[in-house]
PDB file of N, CA and C in Angstrom:
ATOM      1  N   MET A   1      98.773 215.378-164.125  1.00  0.00           N
ATOM      2  CA  MET A   1      97.539 216.118-164.223  1.00  0.00           C
ATOM      3  C   MET A   1      97.778 217.352-165.103  1.00  0.00           C
ATOM      4  N   PRO A   2      97.519 217.251-166.375  1.00  0.00           N
ATOM      5  CA  PRO A   2      97.715 218.420-167.242  1.00  0.00           C
ATOM      6  C   PRO A   2      96.630 219.468-167.024  1.00  0.00           C
ATOM      7  N   PHE A   3      97.003 220.693-167.236  1.00  0.00           N
ATOM      8  CA  PHE A   3      96.039 221.784-167.104  1.00  0.00           C
ATOM      9  C   PHE A   3      95.161 221.849-168.342  1.00  0.00           C
ATOM     10  N   GLU A   4      93.941 222.287-168.133  1.00  0.00           N
ATOM     11  CA  GLU A   4      93.028 222.524-169.236  1.00  0.00           C
ATOM     12  C   GLU A   4      92.919 224.027-169.467  1.00  0.00           C
ATOM     13  N   SER A   5      92.136 224.394-170.466  1.00  0.00           N
ATOM     14  CA  SER A   5      92.008 225.819-170.781  1.00  0.00           C
ATOM     15  C   SER A   5      91.352 226.587-169.634  1.00  0.00           C
ATOM     16  N   ARG A   6      90.465 225.917-168.888  1.00  0.00           N
ATOM     17  CA  ARG A   6      89.832 226.605-167.753  1.00  0.00           C
ATOM     18  C   ARG A   6      90.862 226.913-166.671  1.00  0.00           C
ATOM     19  N   ASN A   7      91.817 226.003-166.440  1.00  0.00           N
ATOM     20  CA  ASN A   7      92.864 226.263-165.458  1.00  0.00           C
ATOM     21  C   ASN A   7      93.666 227.508-165.839  1.00  0.00           C
ATOM     22  N   TYR A   8      94.024 227.591-167.109  1.00  0.00           N
ATOM     23  CA  TYR A   8      94.795 228.744-167.557  1.00  0.00           C
ATOM     24  C   TYR A   8      93.977 230.031-167.475  1.00  0.00           C
ATOM     25  N   ALA A   9      92.704 229.968-167.812  1.00  0.00           N
ATOM     26  CA  ALA A   9      91.849 231.153-167.731  1.00  0.00           C
ATOM     27  C   ALA A   9      91.719 231.631-166.287  1.00  0.00           C
ATOM     28  N   LEU A  10      91.525 230.698-165.349  1.00  0.00           N
ATOM     29  CA  LEU A  10      91.433 231.071-163.937  1.00  0.00           C
ATOM     30  C   LEU A  10      92.752 231.648-163.437  1.00  0.00           C
ATOM     31  N   MET A  11      93.865 231.078-163.892  1.00  0.00           N
ATOM     32  CA  MET A  11      95.166 231.563-163.453  1.00  0.00           C
ATOM     33  C   MET A  11      95.431 232.972-163.987  1.00  0.00           C
ATOM     34  N   VAL A  12      95.075 233.218-165.227  1.00  0.00           N
ATOM     35  CA  VAL A  12      95.246 234.560-165.795  1.00  0.00           C
ATOM     36  C   VAL A  12      94.355 235.561-165.067  1.00  0.00           C
ATOM     37  N   ALA A  13      93.130 235.162-164.749  1.00  0.00           N
ATOM     38  CA  ALA A  13      92.237 236.053-164.002  1.00  0.00           C
ATOM     39  C   ALA A  13      92.827 236.377-162.630  1.00  0.00           C
ATOM     40  N   GLY A  14      93.390 235.388-161.961  1.00  0.00           N
ATOM     41  CA  GLY A  14      94.029 235.628-160.667  1.00  0.00           C
ATOM     42  C   GLY A  14      95.221 236.556-160.786  1.00  0.00           C
ATOM     43  N   LEU A  15      96.029 236.376-161.832  1.00  0.00           N
ATOM     44  CA  LEU A  15      97.183 237.245-162.031  1.00  0.00           C
ATOM     45  C   LEU A  15      96.759 238.679-162.326  1.00  0.00           C
ATOM     46  N   VAL A  16      95.668 238.845-163.054  1.00  0.00           N
ATOM     47  CA  VAL A  16      95.158 240.193-163.334  1.00  0.00           C
ATOM     48  C   VAL A  16      94.700 240.856-162.044  1.00  0.00           C
ATOM     49  N   VAL A  17      94.004 240.118-161.190  1.00  0.00           N
ATOM     50  CA  VAL A  17      93.526 240.684-159.919  1.00  0.00           C
ATOM     51  C   VAL A  17      94.712 241.044-159.030  1.00  0.00           C
ATOM     52  N   VAL A  18      95.735 240.195-158.984  1.00  0.00           N
ATOM     53  CA  VAL A  18      96.931 240.504-158.195  1.00  0.00           C
ATOM     54  C   VAL A  18      97.623 241.746-158.746  1.00  0.00           C
ATOM     55  N   GLY A  19      97.729 241.847-160.050  1.00  0.00           N
ATOM     56  CA  GLY A  19      98.342 243.029-160.663  1.00  0.00           C
ATOM     57  C   GLY A  19      97.575 244.304-160.357  1.00  0.00           C
ATOM     58  N   ILE A  20      96.252 244.219-160.393  1.00  0.00           N
ATOM     59  CA  ILE A  20      95.425 245.387-160.051  1.00  0.00           C
ATOM     60  C   ILE A  20      95.633 245.762-158.586  1.00  0.00           C
ATOM     61  N   GLY A  21      95.712 244.758-157.710  1.00  0.00           N
ATOM     62  CA  GLY A  21      95.939 245.033-156.290  1.00  0.00           C
ATOM     63  C   GLY A  21      97.257 245.745-156.042  1.00  0.00           C
ATOM     64  N   TYR A  22      98.335 245.284-156.698  1.00  0.00           N
ATOM     65  CA  TYR A  22      99.627 245.941-156.539  1.00  0.00           C
ATOM     66  C   TYR A  22      99.627 247.332-157.179  1.00  0.00           C
ATOM     67  N   ALA A  23      98.935 247.488-158.295  1.00  0.00           N
ATOM     68  CA  ALA A  23      98.870 248.806-158.943  1.00  0.00           C
ATOM     69  C   ALA A  23      98.131 249.812-158.070  1.00  0.00           C
ATOM     70  N   ILE A  24      97.046 249.377-157.447  1.00  0.00           N
ATOM     71  CA  ILE A  24      96.307 250.275-156.549  1.00  0.00           C
ATOM     72  C   ILE A  24      97.168 250.648-155.348  1.00  0.00           C
ATOM     73  N   MET A  25      97.911 249.678-154.834  1.00  0.00           N
ATOM     74  CA  MET A  25      98.762 249.961-153.684  1.00  0.00           C
ATOM     75  C   MET A  25      99.874 250.945-154.057  1.00  0.00           C
ATOM     76  N   ALA A  26     100.408 250.808-155.243  1.00  0.00           N
ATOM     77  CA  ALA A  26     101.485 251.701-155.665  1.00  0.00           C
ATOM     78  C   ALA A  26     100.958 253.076-156.067  1.00  0.00           C
ATOM     79  N   ALA A  27      99.744 253.132-156.592  1.00  0.00           N
ATOM     80  CA  ALA A  27      99.205 254.403-157.070  1.00  0.00           C
ATOM     81  C   ALA A  27      98.882 255.358-155.929  1.00  0.00           C
ATOM     82  N   GLU A  28      98.411 254.802-154.834  1.00  0.00           N
ATOM     83  CA  GLU A  28      98.087 255.661-153.697  1.00  0.00           C
ATOM     84  C   GLU A  28      99.327 255.779-152.821  1.00  0.00           C
ATOM     85  N   GLN A  29      99.874 256.964-152.740  1.00  0.00           N
ATOM     86  CA  GLN A  29     101.142 257.178-152.052  1.00  0.00           C
ATOM     87  C   GLN A  29     101.004 257.394-150.548  1.00  0.00           C
ATOM     88  N   GLU A  30      99.795 257.308-150.026  1.00  0.00           N
ATOM     89  CA  GLU A  30      99.594 257.514-148.596  1.00  0.00           C
ATOM     90  C   GLU A  30      99.665 256.179-147.864  1.00  0.00           C
ATOM     91  N   LEU A  31     100.253 256.207-146.669  1.00  0.00           N
ATOM     92  CA  LEU A  31     100.295 254.987-145.861  1.00  0.00           C
ATOM     93  C   LEU A  31      98.953 254.697-145.208  1.00  0.00           C
ATOM     94  N   ASP A  32      98.182 255.748-144.910  1.00  0.00           N
ATOM     95  CA  ASP A  32      96.909 255.584-144.235  1.00  0.00           C
ATOM     96  C   ASP A  32      95.730 255.727-145.179  1.00  0.00           C
ATOM     97  N   GLY A  33      95.942 255.539-146.463  1.00  0.00           N
ATOM     98  CA  GLY A  33      94.864 255.691-147.428  1.00  0.00           C
ATOM     99  C   GLY A  33      93.915 254.503-147.395  1.00  0.00           C
ATOM    100  N   PHE A  34      92.677 254.750-147.774  1.00  0.00           N
ATOM    101  CA  PHE A  34      91.657 253.696-147.759  1.00  0.00           C
ATOM    102  C   PHE A  34      91.988 252.598-148.749  1.00  0.00           C
ATOM    103  N   LEU A  35      92.394 252.964-149.942  1.00  0.00           N
ATOM    104  CA  LEU A  35      92.671 251.965-150.974  1.00  0.00           C
ATOM    105  C   LEU A  35      93.862 251.083-150.618  1.00  0.00           C
ATOM    106  N   SER A  36      94.935 251.695-150.118  1.00  0.00           N
ATOM    107  CA  SER A  36      96.127 250.910-149.808  1.00  0.00           C
ATOM    108  C   SER A  36      95.985 250.088-148.533  1.00  0.00           C
ATOM    109  N   LEU A  37      95.085 250.475-147.646  1.00  0.00           N
ATOM    110  CA  LEU A  37      94.914 249.727-146.400  1.00  0.00           C
ATOM    111  C   LEU A  37      93.831 248.659-146.468  1.00  0.00           C
ATOM    112  N   TYR A  38      92.797 248.869-147.257  1.00  0.00           N
ATOM    113  CA  TYR A  38      91.661 247.959-147.230  1.00  0.00           C
ATOM    114  C   TYR A  38      91.387 247.277-148.571  1.00  0.00           C
ATOM    115  N   VAL A  39      91.339 248.033-149.631  1.00  0.00           N
ATOM    116  CA  VAL A  39      90.952 247.469-150.924  1.00  0.00           C
ATOM    117  C   VAL A  39      92.076 246.617-151.504  1.00  0.00           C
ATOM    118  N   SER A  40      93.283 247.121-151.505  1.00  0.00           N
ATOM    119  CA  SER A  40      94.400 246.409-152.105  1.00  0.00           C
ATOM    120  C   SER A  40      94.687 245.059-151.441  1.00  0.00           C
ATOM    121  N   PRO A  41      94.745 244.949-150.111  1.00  0.00           N
ATOM    122  CA  PRO A  41      94.973 243.629-149.522  1.00  0.00           C
ATOM    123  C   PRO A  41      93.863 242.621-149.827  1.00  0.00           C
ATOM    124  N   ILE A  42      92.633 243.098-149.922  1.00  0.00           N
ATOM    125  CA  ILE A  42      91.531 242.189-150.261  1.00  0.00           C
ATOM    126  C   ILE A  42      91.697 241.684-151.685  1.00  0.00           C
ATOM    127  N   LEU A  43      92.066 242.570-152.605  1.00  0.00           N
ATOM    128  CA  LEU A  43      92.292 242.151-153.986  1.00  0.00           C
ATOM    129  C   LEU A  43      93.474 241.190-154.093  1.00  0.00           C
ATOM    130  N   LEU A  44      94.536 241.451-153.343  1.00  0.00           N
ATOM    131  CA  LEU A  44      95.690 240.557-153.377  1.00  0.00           C
ATOM    132  C   LEU A  44      95.336 239.172-152.843  1.00  0.00           C
ATOM    133  N   MET A  45      94.617 239.119-151.746  1.00  0.00           N
ATOM    134  CA  MET A  45      94.215 237.832-151.179  1.00  0.00           C
ATOM    135  C   MET A  45      93.298 237.086-152.146  1.00  0.00           C
ATOM    136  N   ALA A  46      92.357 237.784-152.743  1.00  0.00           N
ATOM    137  CA  ALA A  46      91.440 237.147-153.690  1.00  0.00           C
ATOM    138  C   ALA A  46      92.199 236.635-154.908  1.00  0.00           C
ATOM    139  N   GLY A  47      93.148 237.403-155.393  1.00  0.00           N
ATOM    140  CA  GLY A  47      93.928 236.983-156.555  1.00  0.00           C
ATOM    141  C   GLY A  47      94.774 235.756-156.267  1.00  0.00           C
ATOM    142  N   TYR A  48      95.437 235.737-155.123  1.00  0.00           N
ATOM    143  CA  TYR A  48      96.258 234.572-154.781  1.00  0.00           C
ATOM    144  C   TYR A  48      95.392 233.331-154.533  1.00  0.00           C
ATOM    145  N   LEU A  49      94.234 233.511-153.919  1.00  0.00           N
ATOM    146  CA  LEU A  49      93.331 232.372-153.740  1.00  0.00           C
ATOM    147  C   LEU A  49      92.821 231.855-155.080  1.00  0.00           C
ATOM    148  N   GLU A  50      92.584 232.756-156.009  1.00  0.00           N
ATOM    149  CA  GLU A  50      92.154 232.365-157.356  1.00  0.00           C
ATOM    150  C   GLU A  50      93.245 231.552-158.055  1.00  0.00           C
ATOM    151  N   ILE A  51      94.495 231.953-157.887  1.00  0.00           N
ATOM    152  CA  ILE A  51      95.603 231.219-158.498  1.00  0.00           C
ATOM    153  C   ILE A  51      95.721 229.829-157.886  1.00  0.00           C
ATOM    154  N   ILE A  52      95.581 229.733-156.571  1.00  0.00           N
ATOM    155  CA  ILE A  52      95.634 228.424-155.915  1.00  0.00           C
ATOM    156  C   ILE A  52      94.490 227.548-156.394  1.00  0.00           C
ATOM    157  N   TYR A  53      93.301 228.124-156.507  1.00  0.00           N
ATOM    158  CA  TYR A  53      92.145 227.370-157.001  1.00  0.00           C
ATOM    159  C   TYR A  53      92.382 226.907-158.441  1.00  0.00           C
ATOM    160  N   ALA A  54      93.013 227.742-159.252  1.00  0.00           N
ATOM    161  CA  ALA A  54      93.289 227.371-160.642  1.00  0.00           C
ATOM    162  C   ALA A  54      94.266 226.206-160.719  1.00  0.00           C
ATOM    163  N   ILE A  55      95.205 226.140-159.799  1.00  0.00           N
ATOM    164  CA  ILE A  55      96.173 225.042-159.799  1.00  0.00           C
ATOM    165  C   ILE A  55      95.526 223.750-159.317  1.00  0.00           C
ATOM    166  N   VAL A  56      94.653 223.847-158.327  1.00  0.00           N
ATOM    167  CA  VAL A  56      94.058 222.652-157.717  1.00  0.00           C
ATOM    168  C   VAL A  56      92.867 222.118-158.513  1.00  0.00           C
ATOM    169  N   TRP A  57      92.155 222.982-159.243  1.00  0.00           N
ATOM    170  CA  TRP A  57      90.920 222.585-159.921  1.00  0.00           C
ATOM    171  C   TRP A  57      91.191 221.561-161.011  1.00  0.00           C
ATOM    172  N   ARG A  58      90.350 220.573-161.064  1.00  0.00           N
ATOM    173  CA  ARG A  58      90.367 219.638-162.179  1.00  0.00           C
ATOM    174  C   ARG A  58      88.933 219.191-162.425  1.00  0.00           C
ATOM    175  N   PRO A  59      88.631 218.828-163.659  1.00  0.00           N
ATOM    176  CA  PRO A  59      87.240 218.468-163.976  1.00  0.00           C
ATOM    177  C   PRO A  59      86.841 217.155-163.326  1.00  0.00           C
ATOM    178  N   LYS A  60      85.551 217.020-163.107  1.00  0.00           N
ATOM    179  CA  LYS A  60      85.043 215.771-162.565  1.00  0.00           C
ATOM    180  C   LYS A  60      85.136 214.700-163.644  1.00  0.00           C
ATOM    181  N   ASP A  61      85.596 213.535-163.255  1.00  0.00           N
ATOM    182  CA  ASP A  61      85.707 212.430-164.196  1.00  0.00           C
ATOM    183  C   ASP A  61      84.317 211.879-164.512  1.00  0.00           C
ATOM    184  N   VAL A  62      84.052 211.680-165.763  1.00  0.00           N
ATOM    185  CA  VAL A  62      82.790 211.120-166.192  1.00  0.00           C
ATOM    186  C   VAL A  62      82.962 209.606-166.224  1.00  0.00           C
ATOM    187  N   ALA A  63      82.175 208.932-165.416  1.00  0.00           N
ATOM    188  CA  ALA A  63      82.282 207.472-165.336  1.00  0.00           C
ATOM    189  C   ALA A  63      81.601 206.846-166.553  1.00  0.00           C
ATOM    190  N   THR A  64      82.352 206.105-167.294  1.00  0.00           N
ATOM    191  CA  THR A  64      81.796 205.406-168.442  1.00  0.00           C
ATOM    192  C   THR A  64      81.835 203.913-168.150  1.00  0.00           C
ATOM    193  N   ASP A  65      80.675 203.340-168.031  1.00  0.00           N
ATOM    194  CA  ASP A  65      80.585 201.902-167.725  1.00  0.00           C
ATOM    195  C   ASP A  65      80.313 201.109-168.966  1.00  0.00           C
TER     196      ASP A  65
END
């Protein structure tokens, strides 16, 4: 199952979201900060789910009879 350009685009988008999540977590130096406790984990989860979706996604086969 080779990847298509959409798979790569989704994977890059997921990696960008994961990178933003880690950057936000590192930028806020407080342990009890709002960004590091709530926003960053949501971004990380969304990014990893996006990467999984990019790996699993494949186009629908067009039936040619």
